[in-house]
Amino acid sequence: MNELKKLARKAMLMGIGLGAVTKKKAEKAAAELLKQGKANEKEVKAFASKIAEEAARRERFVRAMVSGEVKRATTKADKTVKSMKAQYEKRIRALQKRVKAAEAKAKKTKKPKPKRRKKKAKR
């Protein structure tokens, strides 16, 4: 399970990281357009806002996707564990039954202990 959590975390961080890289590149491009005079400050702010919204949307998407996969994997693992538990419980019950039968048989065939001779006291 621990490996699954690590994998999910890496996938989520990778998705968020991609969004952050895209946002940084967009901000850099917007700053360059502003510097060259090809866009005004209002357009640059609107563009940066749009990029930030897109990054947040991607982050929510990645989180939801990873969360769904983790839930699916844990559900599958839980089913496997429950199945194995049921098999072991069944086997334990069968072994307990065999032990009881062996104990009952041992009681029936129990031989009486031989009587001990009393030792004569030394005088």
PDB file of N, CA and C in Angstrom:
ATOM      1  N   MET A   1       0.803  -1.189   0.000  1.00  0.00           N
ATOM      2  CA  MET A   1       0.000   0.000   0.000  1.00  0.00           C
ATOM      3  C   MET A   1       0.852   1.262   0.000  1.00  0.00           C
ATOM      4  N   ASN A   2       1.952   1.205   0.737  1.00  0.00           N
ATOM      5  CA  ASN A   2       2.819   2.360   0.826  1.00  0.00           C
ATOM      6  C   ASN A   2       3.359   2.741  -0.545  1.00  0.00           C
ATOM      7  N   GLU A   3       3.692   1.749  -1.361  1.00  0.00           N
ATOM      8  CA  GLU A   3       4.187   2.009  -2.714  1.00  0.00           C
ATOM      9  C   GLU A   3       3.118   2.713  -3.543  1.00  0.00           C
ATOM     10  N   LEU A   4       1.873   2.309  -3.362  1.00  0.00           N
ATOM     11  CA  LEU A   4       0.769   2.911  -4.107  1.00  0.00           C
ATOM     12  C   LEU A   4       0.628   4.389  -3.734  1.00  0.00           C
ATOM     13  N   LYS A   5       0.756   4.699  -2.464  1.00  0.00           N
ATOM     14  CA  LYS A   5       0.656   6.090  -2.031  1.00  0.00           C
ATOM     15  C   LYS A   5       1.790   6.918  -2.619  1.00  0.00           C
ATOM     16  N   LYS A   6       2.998   6.347  -2.638  1.00  0.00           N
ATOM     17  CA  LYS A   6       4.136   7.065  -3.205  1.00  0.00           C
ATOM     18  C   LYS A   6       3.918   7.347  -4.690  1.00  0.00           C
ATOM     19  N   LEU A   7       3.425   6.338  -5.410  1.00  0.00           N
ATOM     20  CA  LEU A   7       3.165   6.493  -6.841  1.00  0.00           C
ATOM     21  C   LEU A   7       2.091   7.550  -7.085  1.00  0.00           C
ATOM     22  N   ALA A   8       1.037   7.507  -6.298  1.00  0.00           N
ATOM     23  CA  ALA A   8      -0.045   8.482  -6.450  1.00  0.00           C
ATOM     24  C   ALA A   8       0.471   9.892  -6.186  1.00  0.00           C
ATOM     25  N   ARG A   9       1.287  10.033  -5.167  1.00  0.00           N
ATOM     26  CA  ARG A   9       1.846  11.347  -4.827  1.00  0.00           C
ATOM     27  C   ARG A   9       2.729  11.864  -5.965  1.00  0.00           C
ATOM     28  N   LYS A  10       3.567  10.996  -6.521  1.00  0.00           N
ATOM     29  CA  LYS A  10       4.435  11.406  -7.622  1.00  0.00           C
ATOM     30  C   LYS A  10       3.622  11.837  -8.833  1.00  0.00           C
ATOM     31  N   ALA A  11       2.567  11.091  -9.144  1.00  0.00           N
ATOM     32  CA  ALA A  11       1.723  11.430 -10.297  1.00  0.00           C
ATOM     33  C   ALA A  11       1.054  12.780 -10.081  1.00  0.00           C
ATOM     34  N   MET A  12       0.570  13.015  -8.867  1.00  0.00           N
ATOM     35  CA  MET A  12      -0.109  14.271  -8.575  1.00  0.00           C
ATOM     36  C   MET A  12       0.886  15.435  -8.660  1.00  0.00           C
ATOM     37  N   LEU A  13       2.052  15.263  -8.085  1.00  0.00           N
ATOM     38  CA  LEU A  13       3.048  16.332  -8.131  1.00  0.00           C
ATOM     39  C   LEU A  13       3.513  16.602  -9.550  1.00  0.00           C
ATOM     40  N   MET A  14       3.611  15.546 -10.357  1.00  0.00           N
ATOM     41  CA  MET A  14       4.011  15.714 -11.743  1.00  0.00           C
ATOM     42  C   MET A  14       2.969  16.554 -12.488  1.00  0.00           C
ATOM     43  N   GLY A  15       1.700  16.255 -12.285  1.00  0.00           N
ATOM     44  CA  GLY A  15       0.639  17.020 -12.936  1.00  0.00           C
ATOM     45  C   GLY A  15       0.632  18.468 -12.503  1.00  0.00           C
ATOM     46  N   ILE A  16       0.806  18.683 -11.202  1.00  0.00           N
ATOM     47  CA  ILE A  16       0.845  20.047 -10.686  1.00  0.00           C
ATOM     48  C   ILE A  16       2.082  20.766 -11.218  1.00  0.00           C
ATOM     49  N   GLY A  17       3.192  20.047 -11.262  1.00  0.00           N
ATOM     50  CA  GLY A  17       4.437  20.624 -11.768  1.00  0.00           C
ATOM     51  C   GLY A  17       4.314  21.058 -13.211  1.00  0.00           C
ATOM     52  N   LEU A  18       3.655  20.245 -14.026  1.00  0.00           N
ATOM     53  CA  LEU A  18       3.454  20.608 -15.431  1.00  0.00           C
ATOM     54  C   LEU A  18       2.641  21.890 -15.536  1.00  0.00           C
ATOM     55  N   GLY A  19       1.633  22.012 -14.693  1.00  0.00           N
ATOM     56  CA  GLY A  19       0.826  23.238 -14.681  1.00  0.00           C
ATOM     57  C   GLY A  19       1.648  24.447 -14.279  1.00  0.00           C
ATOM     58  N   ALA A  20       2.520  24.266 -13.292  1.00  0.00           N
ATOM     59  CA  ALA A  20       3.357  25.369 -12.821  1.00  0.00           C
ATOM     60  C   ALA A  20       4.346  25.791 -13.900  1.00  0.00           C
ATOM     61  N   VAL A  21       4.937  24.827 -14.600  1.00  0.00           N
ATOM     62  CA  VAL A  21       5.889  25.143 -15.672  1.00  0.00           C
ATOM     63  C   VAL A  21       5.170  25.906 -16.780  1.00  0.00           C
ATOM     64  N   THR A  22       3.991  25.449 -17.140  1.00  0.00           N
ATOM     65  CA  THR A  22       3.215  26.116 -18.184  1.00  0.00           C
ATOM     66  C   THR A  22       2.899  27.551 -17.767  1.00  0.00           C
ATOM     67  N   LYS A  23       2.520  27.731 -16.512  1.00  0.00           N
ATOM     68  CA  LYS A  23       2.186  29.067 -16.008  1.00  0.00           C
ATOM     69  C   LYS A  23       3.407  29.978 -16.055  1.00  0.00           C
ATOM     70  N   LYS A  24       4.549  29.466 -15.645  1.00  0.00           N
ATOM     71  CA  LYS A  24       5.776  30.278 -15.659  1.00  0.00           C
ATOM     72  C   LYS A  24       6.144  30.694 -17.082  1.00  0.00           C
ATOM     73  N   LYS A  25       6.045  29.751 -18.005  1.00  0.00           N
ATOM     74  CA  LYS A  25       6.366  30.067 -19.403  1.00  0.00           C
ATOM     75  C   LYS A  25       5.401  31.110 -19.956  1.00  0.00           C
ATOM     76  N   ALA A  26       4.119  30.960 -19.602  1.00  0.00           N
ATOM     77  CA  ALA A  26       3.121  31.914 -20.087  1.00  0.00           C
ATOM     78  C   ALA A  26       3.378  33.296 -19.508  1.00  0.00           C
ATOM     79  N   GLU A  27       3.724  33.359 -18.220  1.00  0.00           N
ATOM     80  CA  GLU A  27       4.010  34.650 -17.595  1.00  0.00           C
ATOM     81  C   GLU A  27       5.238  35.299 -18.239  1.00  0.00           C
ATOM     82  N   LYS A  28       6.218  34.473 -18.534  1.00  0.00           N
ATOM     83  CA  LYS A  28       7.432  34.987 -19.169  1.00  0.00           C
ATOM     84  C   LYS A  28       7.105  35.543 -20.561  1.00  0.00           C
ATOM     85  N   ALA A  29       6.281  34.791 -21.307  1.00  0.00           N
ATOM     86  CA  ALA A  29       5.894  35.239 -22.653  1.00  0.00           C
ATOM     87  C   ALA A  29       5.067  36.515 -22.569  1.00  0.00           C
ATOM     88  N   ALA A  30       4.179  36.585 -21.576  1.00  0.00           N
ATOM     89  CA  ALA A  30       3.349  37.786 -21.416  1.00  0.00           C
ATOM     90  C   ALA A  30       4.208  38.985 -21.056  1.00  0.00           C
ATOM     91  N   ALA A  31       5.176  38.786 -20.184  1.00  0.00           N
ATOM     92  CA  ALA A  31       6.068  39.886 -19.801  1.00  0.00           C
ATOM     93  C   ALA A  31       6.865  40.369 -21.012  1.00  0.00           C
ATOM     94  N   GLU A  32       7.278  39.444 -21.835  1.00  0.00           N
ATOM     95  CA  GLU A  32       8.035  39.792 -23.052  1.00  0.00           C
ATOM     96  C   GLU A  32       7.153  40.603 -24.011  1.00  0.00           C
ATOM     97  N   LEU A  33       5.886  40.194 -24.177  1.00  0.00           N
ATOM     98  CA  LEU A  33       4.951  40.934 -25.041  1.00  0.00           C
ATOM     99  C   LEU A  33       4.734  42.343 -24.509  1.00  0.00           C
ATOM    100  N   LEU A  34       4.626  42.458 -23.195  1.00  0.00           N
ATOM    101  CA  LEU A  34       4.429  43.766 -22.556  1.00  0.00           C
ATOM    102  C   LEU A  34       5.674  44.634 -22.773  1.00  0.00           C
ATOM    103  N   LYS A  35       6.837  44.021 -22.622  1.00  0.00           N
ATOM    104  CA  LYS A  35       8.102  44.726 -22.797  1.00  0.00           C
ATOM    105  C   LYS A  35       8.258  45.235 -24.228  1.00  0.00           C
ATOM    106  N   GLN A  36       7.844  44.419 -25.181  1.00  0.00           N
ATOM    107  CA  GLN A  36       7.969  44.789 -26.598  1.00  0.00           C
ATOM    108  C   GLN A  36       6.868  45.744 -27.028  1.00  0.00           C
ATOM    109  N   GLY A  37       5.872  45.919 -26.160  1.00  0.00           N
ATOM    110  CA  GLY A  37       4.779  46.824 -26.487  1.00  0.00           C
ATOM    111  C   GLY A  37       3.723  46.202 -27.382  1.00  0.00           C
ATOM    112  N   LYS A  38       3.728  44.874 -27.522  1.00  0.00           N
ATOM    113  CA  LYS A  38       2.753  44.181 -28.369  1.00  0.00           C
ATOM    114  C   LYS A  38       1.458  43.877 -27.623  1.00  0.00           C
ATOM    115  N   ALA A  39       1.465  44.099 -26.301  1.00  0.00           N
ATOM    116  CA  ALA A  39       0.267  43.891 -25.491  1.00  0.00           C
ATOM    117  C   ALA A  39       0.277  44.925 -24.380  1.00  0.00           C
ATOM    118  N   ASN A  40      -0.921  45.309 -23.954  1.00  0.00           N
ATOM    119  CA  ASN A  40      -0.980  46.267 -22.852  1.00  0.00           C
ATOM    120  C   ASN A  40      -1.087  45.518 -21.514  1.00  0.00           C
ATOM    121  N   GLU A  41      -0.979  46.275 -20.441  1.00  0.00           N
ATOM    122  CA  GLU A  41      -0.961  45.666 -19.103  1.00  0.00           C
ATOM    123  C   GLU A  41      -2.271  44.931 -18.798  1.00  0.00           C
ATOM    124  N   LYS A  42      -3.378  45.456 -19.249  1.00  0.00           N
ATOM    125  CA  LYS A  42      -4.690  44.827 -19.008  1.00  0.00           C
ATOM    126  C   LYS A  42      -4.752  43.448 -19.680  1.00  0.00           C
ATOM    127  N   GLU A  43      -4.262  43.377 -20.903  1.00  0.00           N
ATOM    128  CA  GLU A  43      -4.254  42.105 -21.640  1.00  0.00           C
ATOM    129  C   GLU A  43      -3.337  41.084 -20.960  1.00  0.00           C
ATOM    130  N   VAL A  44      -2.211  41.561 -20.482  1.00  0.00           N
ATOM    131  CA  VAL A  44      -1.256  40.673 -19.813  1.00  0.00           C
ATOM    132  C   VAL A  44      -1.862  40.119 -18.523  1.00  0.00           C
ATOM    133  N   LYS A  45      -2.523  40.974 -17.743  1.00  0.00           N
ATOM    134  CA  LYS A  45      -3.167  40.529 -16.498  1.00  0.00           C
ATOM    135  C   LYS A  45      -4.269  39.513 -16.790  1.00  0.00           C
ATOM    136  N   ALA A  46      -5.052  39.770 -17.835  1.00  0.00           N
ATOM    137  CA  ALA A  46      -6.126  38.840 -18.209  1.00  0.00           C
ATOM    138  C   ALA A  46      -5.536  37.497 -18.637  1.00  0.00           C
ATOM    139  N   PHE A  47      -4.439  37.572 -19.394  1.00  0.00           N
ATOM    140  CA  PHE A  47      -3.778  36.360 -19.855  1.00  0.00           C
ATOM    141  C   PHE A  47      -3.215  35.572 -18.664  1.00  0.00           C
ATOM    142  N   ALA A  48      -2.579  36.258 -17.718  1.00  0.00           N
ATOM    143  CA  ALA A  48      -2.012  35.605 -16.531  1.00  0.00           C
ATOM    144  C   ALA A  48      -3.121  34.980 -15.691  1.00  0.00           C
ATOM    145  N   SER A  49      -4.231  35.676 -15.575  1.00  0.00           N
ATOM    146  CA  SER A  49      -5.361  35.154 -14.813  1.00  0.00           C
ATOM    147  C   SER A  49      -5.914  33.878 -15.460  1.00  0.00           C
ATOM    148  N   LYS A  50      -6.007  33.921 -16.792  1.00  0.00           N
ATOM    149  CA  LYS A  50      -6.500  32.754 -17.524  1.00  0.00           C
ATOM    150  C   LYS A  50      -5.565  31.554 -17.330  1.00  0.00           C
ATOM    151  N   ILE A  51      -4.278  31.813 -17.369  1.00  0.00           N
ATOM    152  CA  ILE A  51      -3.295  30.745 -17.173  1.00  0.00           C
ATOM    153  C   ILE A  51      -3.406  30.191 -15.755  1.00  0.00           C
ATOM    154  N   ALA A  52      -3.568  31.053 -14.760  1.00  0.00           N
ATOM    155  CA  ALA A  52      -3.694  30.612 -13.370  1.00  0.00           C
ATOM    156  C   ALA A  52      -4.947  29.743 -13.198  1.00  0.00           C
ATOM    157  N   GLU A  53      -6.039  30.159 -13.824  1.00  0.00           N
ATOM    158  CA  GLU A  53      -7.276  29.359 -13.753  1.00  0.00           C
ATOM    159  C   GLU A  53      -7.077  27.985 -14.404  1.00  0.00           C
ATOM    160  N   GLU A  54      -6.389  27.985 -15.534  1.00  0.00           N
ATOM    161  CA  GLU A  54      -6.136  26.720 -16.232  1.00  0.00           C
ATOM    162  C   GLU A  54      -5.250  25.803 -15.389  1.00  0.00           C
ATOM    163  N   ALA A  55      -4.240  26.372 -14.738  1.00  0.00           N
ATOM    164  CA  ALA A  55      -3.361  25.578 -13.873  1.00  0.00           C
ATOM    165  C   ALA A  55      -4.158  24.990 -12.705  1.00  0.00           C
ATOM    166  N   ALA A  56      -5.043  25.786 -12.117  1.00  0.00           N
ATOM    167  CA  ALA A  56      -5.871  25.299 -11.006  1.00  0.00           C
ATOM    168  C   ALA A  56      -6.819  24.199 -11.483  1.00  0.00           C
ATOM    169  N   ARG A  57      -7.377  24.373 -12.677  1.00  0.00           N
ATOM    170  CA  ARG A  57      -8.269  23.361 -13.236  1.00  0.00           C
ATOM    171  C   ARG A  57      -7.511  22.047 -13.452  1.00  0.00           C
ATOM    172  N   ARG A  58      -6.303  22.150 -13.998  1.00  0.00           N
ATOM    173  CA  ARG A  58      -5.487  20.953 -14.233  1.00  0.00           C
ATOM    174  C   ARG A  58      -5.129  20.267 -12.915  1.00  0.00           C
ATOM    175  N   GLU A  59      -4.820  21.083 -11.918  1.00  0.00           N
ATOM    176  CA  GLU A  59      -4.481  20.521 -10.605  1.00  0.00           C
ATOM    177  C   GLU A  59      -5.673  19.753 -10.033  1.00  0.00           C
ATOM    178  N   ARG A  60      -6.861  20.344 -10.120  1.00  0.00           N
ATOM    179  CA  ARG A  60      -8.075  19.651  -9.629  1.00  0.00           C
ATOM    180  C   ARG A  60      -8.302  18.356 -10.399  1.00  0.00           C
ATOM    181  N   PHE A  61      -8.075  18.409 -11.709  1.00  0.00           N
ATOM    182  CA  PHE A  61      -8.245  17.215 -12.544  1.00  0.00           C
ATOM    183  C   PHE A  61      -7.275  16.112 -12.123  1.00  0.00           C
ATOM    184  N   VAL A  62      -6.016  16.472 -11.956  1.00  0.00           N
ATOM    185  CA  VAL A  62      -5.002  15.485 -11.565  1.00  0.00           C
ATOM    186  C   VAL A  62      -5.320  14.913 -10.195  1.00  0.00           C
ATOM    187  N   ARG A  63      -5.699  15.774  -9.263  1.00  0.00           N
ATOM    188  CA  ARG A  63      -6.055  15.301  -7.916  1.00  0.00           C
ATOM    189  C   ARG A  63      -7.230  14.325  -7.980  1.00  0.00           C
ATOM    190  N   ALA A  64      -8.244  14.669  -8.747  1.00  0.00           N
ATOM    191  CA  ALA A  64      -9.417  13.799  -8.864  1.00  0.00           C
ATOM    192  C   ALA A  64      -9.045  12.473  -9.514  1.00  0.00           C
ATOM    193  N   MET A  65      -8.223  12.530 -10.542  1.00  0.00           N
ATOM    194  CA  MET A  65      -7.805  11.317 -11.239  1.00  0.00           C
ATOM    195  C   MET A  65      -6.996  10.417 -10.309  1.00  0.00           C
ATOM    196  N   VAL A  66      -6.029  10.989  -9.616  1.00  0.00           N
ATOM    197  CA  VAL A  66      -5.196  10.214  -8.707  1.00  0.00           C
ATOM    198  C   VAL A  66      -6.037   9.652  -7.566  1.00  0.00           C
ATOM    199  N   SER A  67      -6.916  10.470  -7.032  1.00  0.00           N
ATOM    200  CA  SER A  67      -7.785  10.018  -5.944  1.00  0.00           C
ATOM    201  C   SER A  67      -8.644   8.830  -6.388  1.00  0.00           C
ATOM    202  N   GLY A  68      -9.180   8.923  -7.597  1.00  0.00           N
ATOM    203  CA  GLY A  68      -9.990   7.823  -8.129  1.00  0.00           C
ATOM    204  C   GLY A  68      -9.189   6.547  -8.295  1.00  0.00           C
ATOM    205  N   GLU A  69      -7.966   6.689  -8.803  1.00  0.00           N
ATOM    206  CA  GLU A  69      -7.110   5.517  -8.988  1.00  0.00           C
ATOM    207  C   GLU A  69      -6.710   4.897  -7.654  1.00  0.00           C
ATOM    208  N   VAL A  70      -6.400   5.740  -6.680  1.00  0.00           N
ATOM    209  CA  VAL A  70      -6.038   5.226  -5.356  1.00  0.00           C
ATOM    210  C   VAL A  70      -7.227   4.493  -4.745  1.00  0.00           C
ATOM    211  N   LYS A  71      -8.397   5.073  -4.886  1.00  0.00           N
ATOM    212  CA  LYS A  71      -9.603   4.440  -4.339  1.00  0.00           C
ATOM    213  C   LYS A  71      -9.854   3.094  -5.023  1.00  0.00           C
ATOM    214  N   ARG A  72      -9.692   3.056  -6.345  1.00  0.00           N
ATOM    215  CA  ARG A  72      -9.905   1.812  -7.085  1.00  0.00           C
ATOM    216  C   ARG A  72      -8.903   0.748  -6.635  1.00  0.00           C
ATOM    217  N   ALA A  73      -7.646   1.152  -6.513  1.00  0.00           N
ATOM    218  CA  ALA A  73      -6.605   0.200  -6.117  1.00  0.00           C
ATOM    219  C   ALA A  73      -6.816  -0.303  -4.688  1.00  0.00           C
ATOM    220  N   THR A  74      -7.189   0.584  -3.785  1.00  0.00           N
ATOM    221  CA  THR A  74      -7.403   0.153  -2.404  1.00  0.00           C
ATOM    222  C   THR A  74      -8.633  -0.738  -2.293  1.00  0.00           C
ATOM    223  N   THR A  75      -9.651  -0.455  -3.078  1.00  0.00           N
ATOM    224  CA  THR A  75     -10.835  -1.314  -3.082  1.00  0.00           C
ATOM    225  C   THR A  75     -10.469  -2.710  -3.565  1.00  0.00           C
ATOM    226  N   LYS A  76      -9.670  -2.766  -4.622  1.00  0.00           N
ATOM    227  CA  LYS A  76      -9.224  -4.057  -5.158  1.00  0.00           C
ATOM    228  C   LYS A  76      -8.387  -4.799  -4.122  1.00  0.00           C
ATOM    229  N   ALA A  77      -7.484  -4.081  -3.467  1.00  0.00           N
ATOM    230  CA  ALA A  77      -6.643  -4.702  -2.435  1.00  0.00           C
ATOM    231  C   ALA A  77      -7.484  -5.195  -1.269  1.00  0.00           C
ATOM    232  N   ASP A  78      -8.490  -4.408  -0.878  1.00  0.00           N
ATOM    233  CA  ASP A  78      -9.374  -4.819   0.217  1.00  0.00           C
ATOM    234  C   ASP A  78     -10.114  -6.107  -0.124  1.00  0.00           C
ATOM    235  N   LYS A  79     -10.575  -6.196  -1.371  1.00  0.00           N
ATOM    236  CA  LYS A  79     -11.284  -7.409  -1.799  1.00  0.00           C
ATOM    237  C   LYS A  79     -10.359  -8.616  -1.736  1.00  0.00           C
ATOM    238  N   THR A  80      -9.129  -8.421  -2.167  1.00  0.00           N
ATOM    239  CA  THR A  80      -8.149  -9.512  -2.140  1.00  0.00           C
ATOM    240  C   THR A  80      -7.879  -9.945  -0.705  1.00  0.00           C
ATOM    241  N   VAL A  81      -7.682  -8.983   0.178  1.00  0.00           N
ATOM    242  CA  VAL A  81      -7.412  -9.295   1.586  1.00  0.00           C
ATOM    243  C   VAL A  81      -8.603 -10.016   2.207  1.00  0.00           C
ATOM    244  N   LYS A  82      -9.801  -9.550   1.917  1.00  0.00           N
ATOM    245  CA  LYS A  82     -10.997 -10.203   2.465  1.00  0.00           C
ATOM    246  C   LYS A  82     -11.122 -11.630   1.954  1.00  0.00           C
ATOM    247  N   SER A  83     -10.823 -11.840   0.687  1.00  0.00           N
ATOM    248  CA  SER A  83     -10.885 -13.176   0.110  1.00  0.00           C
ATOM    249  C   SER A  83      -9.870 -14.100   0.779  1.00  0.00           C
ATOM    250  N   MET A  84      -8.652 -13.597   0.949  1.00  0.00           N
ATOM    251  CA  MET A  84      -7.622 -14.401   1.598  1.00  0.00           C
ATOM    252  C   MET A  84      -8.000 -14.694   3.046  1.00  0.00           C
ATOM    253  N   LYS A  85      -8.570 -13.725   3.724  1.00  0.00           N
ATOM    254  CA  LYS A  85      -8.987 -13.904   5.119  1.00  0.00           C
ATOM    255  C   LYS A  85     -10.038 -15.006   5.200  1.00  0.00           C
ATOM    256  N   ALA A  86     -11.008 -14.978   4.291  1.00  0.00           N
ATOM    257  CA  ALA A  86     -12.060 -15.995   4.278  1.00  0.00           C
ATOM    258  C   ALA A  86     -11.463 -17.385   4.047  1.00  0.00           C
ATOM    259  N   GLN A  87     -10.500 -17.476   3.141  1.00  0.00           N
ATOM    260  CA  GLN A  87      -9.860 -18.766   2.873  1.00  0.00           C
ATOM    261  C   GLN A  87      -9.127 -19.278   4.111  1.00  0.00           C
ATOM    262  N   TYR A  88      -8.398 -18.395   4.783  1.00  0.00           N
ATOM    263  CA  TYR A  88      -7.664 -18.811   5.979  1.00  0.00           C
ATOM    264  C   TYR A  88      -8.609 -19.193   7.117  1.00  0.00           C
ATOM    265  N   GLU A  89      -9.693 -18.446   7.264  1.00  0.00           N
ATOM    266  CA  GLU A  89     -10.664 -18.783   8.311  1.00  0.00           C
ATOM    267  C   GLU A  89     -11.279 -20.151   8.045  1.00  0.00           C
ATOM    268  N   LYS A  90     -11.578 -20.436   6.797  1.00  0.00           N
ATOM    269  CA  LYS A  90     -12.134 -21.735   6.431  1.00  0.00           C
ATOM    270  C   LYS A  90     -11.129 -22.845   6.750  1.00  0.00           C
ATOM    271  N   ARG A  91      -9.890 -22.596   6.426  1.00  0.00           N
ATOM    272  CA  ARG A  91      -8.845 -23.598   6.689  1.00  0.00           C
ATOM    273  C   ARG A  91      -8.664 -23.803   8.195  1.00  0.00           C
ATOM    274  N   ILE A  92      -8.704 -22.738   8.954  1.00  0.00           N
ATOM    275  CA  ILE A  92      -8.572 -22.830  10.415  1.00  0.00           C
ATOM    276  C   ILE A  92      -9.720 -23.636  11.005  1.00  0.00           C
ATOM    277  N   ARG A  93     -10.931 -23.374  10.536  1.00  0.00           N
ATOM    278  CA  ARG A  93     -12.095 -24.135  11.036  1.00  0.00           C
ATOM    279  C   ARG A  93     -11.929 -25.627  10.740  1.00  0.00           C
ATOM    280  N   ALA A  94     -11.445 -25.957   9.541  1.00  0.00           N
ATOM    281  CA  ALA A  94     -11.234 -27.363   9.179  1.00  0.00           C
ATOM    282  C   ALA A  94     -10.175 -27.997  10.079  1.00  0.00           C
ATOM    283  N   LEU A  95      -9.112 -27.269  10.352  1.00  0.00           N
ATOM    284  CA  LEU A  95      -8.060 -27.791  11.224  1.00  0.00           C
ATOM    285  C   LEU A  95      -8.555 -27.950  12.662  1.00  0.00           C
ATOM    286  N   GLN A  96      -9.353 -27.006  13.115  1.00  0.00           N
ATOM    287  CA  GLN A  96      -9.919 -27.112  14.466  1.00  0.00           C
ATOM    288  C   GLN A  96     -10.810 -28.347  14.571  1.00  0.00           C
ATOM    289  N   LYS A  97     -11.568 -28.613  13.532  1.00  0.00           N
ATOM    290  CA  LYS A  97     -12.439 -29.787  13.499  1.00  0.00           C
ATOM    291  C   LYS A  97     -11.604 -31.068  13.580  1.00  0.00           C
ATOM    292  N   ARG A  98     -10.508 -31.087  12.831  1.00  0.00           N
ATOM    293  CA  ARG A  98      -9.629 -32.262  12.842  1.00  0.00           C
ATOM    294  C   ARG A  98      -8.999 -32.462  14.217  1.00  0.00           C
ATOM    295  N   VAL A  99      -8.610 -31.380  14.864  1.00  0.00           N
ATOM    296  CA  VAL A  99      -8.009 -31.469  16.197  1.00  0.00           C
ATOM    297  C   VAL A  99      -9.022 -32.029  17.192  1.00  0.00           C
ATOM    298  N   LYS A 100     -10.254 -31.533  17.149  1.00  0.00           N
ATOM    299  CA  LYS A 100     -11.306 -32.028  18.055  1.00  0.00           C
ATOM    300  C   LYS A 100     -11.553 -33.510  17.828  1.00  0.00           C
ATOM    301  N   ALA A 101     -11.593 -33.915  16.569  1.00  0.00           N
ATOM    302  CA  ALA A 101     -11.817 -35.331  16.256  1.00  0.00           C
ATOM    303  C   ALA A 101     -10.658 -36.178  16.784  1.00  0.00           C
ATOM    304  N   ALA A 102      -9.457 -35.710  16.618  1.00  0.00           N
ATOM    305  CA  ALA A 102      -8.286 -36.447  17.108  1.00  0.00           C
ATOM    306  C   ALA A 102      -8.296 -36.523  18.629  1.00  0.00           C
ATOM    307  N   GLU A 103      -8.691 -35.445  19.289  1.00  0.00           N
ATOM    308  CA  GLU A 103      -8.765 -35.448  20.758  1.00  0.00           C
ATOM    309  C   GLU A 103      -9.835 -36.426  21.239  1.00  0.00           C
ATOM    310  N   ALA A 104     -10.981 -36.452  20.567  1.00  0.00           N
ATOM    311  CA  ALA A 104     -12.057 -37.368  20.944  1.00  0.00           C
ATOM    312  C   ALA A 104     -11.603 -38.819  20.767  1.00  0.00           C
ATOM    313  N   LYS A 105     -10.913 -39.071  19.696  1.00  0.00           N
ATOM    314  CA  LYS A 105     -10.411 -40.429  19.430  1.00  0.00           C
ATOM    315  C   LYS A 105      -9.377 -40.824  20.482  1.00  0.00           C
ATOM    316  N   ALA A 106      -8.552 -39.890  20.851  1.00  0.00           N
ATOM    317  CA  ALA A 106      -7.519 -40.168  21.858  1.00  0.00           C
ATOM    318  C   ALA A 106      -8.154 -40.485  23.209  1.00  0.00           C
ATOM    319  N   LYS A 107      -9.239 -39.845  23.551  1.00  0.00           N
ATOM    320  CA  LYS A 107      -9.921 -40.108  24.825  1.00  0.00           C
ATOM    321  C   LYS A 107     -10.506 -41.508  24.842  1.00  0.00           C
ATOM    322  N   LYS A 108     -11.068 -41.920  23.717  1.00  0.00           N
ATOM    323  CA  LYS A 108     -11.698 -43.242  23.637  1.00  0.00           C
ATOM    324  C   LYS A 108     -10.665 -44.357  23.735  1.00  0.00           C
ATOM    325  N   THR A 109      -9.525 -44.162  23.157  1.00  0.00           N
ATOM    326  CA  THR A 109      -8.517 -45.216  23.108  1.00  0.00           C
ATOM    327  C   THR A 109      -7.475 -45.076  24.210  1.00  0.00           C
ATOM    328  N   LYS A 110      -7.730 -44.242  25.165  1.00  0.00           N
ATOM    329  CA  LYS A 110      -6.777 -44.014  26.233  1.00  0.00           C
ATOM    330  C   LYS A 110      -6.642 -45.267  27.088  1.00  0.00           C
ATOM    331  N   LYS A 111      -5.429 -45.708  27.252  1.00  0.00           N
ATOM    332  CA  LYS A 111      -5.168 -46.897  28.050  1.00  0.00           C
ATOM    333  C   LYS A 111      -4.964 -46.477  29.499  1.00  0.00           C
ATOM    334  N   PRO A 112      -5.414 -47.319  30.411  1.00  0.00           N
ATOM    335  CA  PRO A 112      -5.199 -46.975  31.823  1.00  0.00           C
ATOM    336  C   PRO A 112      -3.710 -47.056  32.155  1.00  0.00           C
ATOM    337  N   LYS A 113      -3.319 -46.220  33.040  1.00  0.00           N
ATOM    338  CA  LYS A 113      -1.925 -46.204  33.454  1.00  0.00           C
ATOM    339  C   LYS A 113      -1.644 -47.446  34.293  1.00  0.00           C
ATOM    340  N   PRO A 114      -0.494 -48.047  34.117  1.00  0.00           N
ATOM    341  CA  PRO A 114      -0.157 -49.197  34.949  1.00  0.00           C
ATOM    342  C   PRO A 114       0.023 -48.757  36.401  1.00  0.00           C
ATOM    343  N   LYS A 115      -0.410 -49.647  37.294  1.00  0.00           N
ATOM    344  CA  LYS A 115      -0.306 -49.315  38.709  1.00  0.00           C
ATOM    345  C   LYS A 115       1.145 -49.400  39.130  1.00  0.00           C
ATOM    346  N   ARG A 116       1.524 -48.493  39.937  1.00  0.00           N
ATOM    347  CA  ARG A 116       2.894 -48.467  40.433  1.00  0.00           C
ATOM    348  C   ARG A 116       2.996 -49.370  41.651  1.00  0.00           C
ATOM    349  N   ARG A 117       4.066 -50.007  41.722  1.00  0.00           N
ATOM    350  CA  ARG A 117       4.293 -50.819  42.902  1.00  0.00           C
ATOM    351  C   ARG A 117       4.799 -49.912  44.008  1.00  0.00           C
ATOM    352  N   LYS A 118       4.316 -50.226  45.155  1.00  0.00           N
ATOM    353  CA  LYS A 118       4.782 -49.452  46.296  1.00  0.00           C
ATOM    354  C   LYS A 118       6.143 -49.955  46.704  1.00  0.00           C
ATOM    355  N   LYS A 119       6.978 -49.033  46.927  1.00  0.00           N
ATOM    356  CA  LYS A 119       8.322 -49.419  47.369  1.00  0.00           C
ATOM    357  C   LYS A 119       8.276 -49.708  48.857  1.00  0.00           C
ATOM    358  N   LYS A 120       8.986 -50.730  49.207  1.00  0.00           N
ATOM    359  CA  LYS A 120       9.065 -51.096  50.623  1.00  0.00           C
ATOM    360  C   LYS A 120      10.008 -50.123  51.305  1.00  0.00           C
ATOM    361  N   ALA A 121       9.588 -49.769  52.428  1.00  0.00           N
ATOM    362  CA  ALA A 121      10.404 -48.846  53.194  1.00  0.00           C
ATOM    363  C   ALA A 121      11.624 -49.571  53.728  1.00  0.00           C
ATOM    364  N   LYS A 122      12.713 -48.969  53.702  1.00  0.00           N
ATOM    365  CA  LYS A 122      13.945 -49.548  54.208  1.00  0.00           C
ATOM    366  C   LYS A 122      13.985 -49.383  55.720  1.00  0.00           C
ATOM    367  N   ARG A 123      14.369 -50.422  56.351  1.00  0.00           N
ATOM    368  CA  ARG A 123      14.443 -50.377  57.795  1.00  0.00           C
ATOM    369  C   ARG A 123      15.814 -50.226  58.264  1.00  0.00           C
TER     370      ARG A 123
END
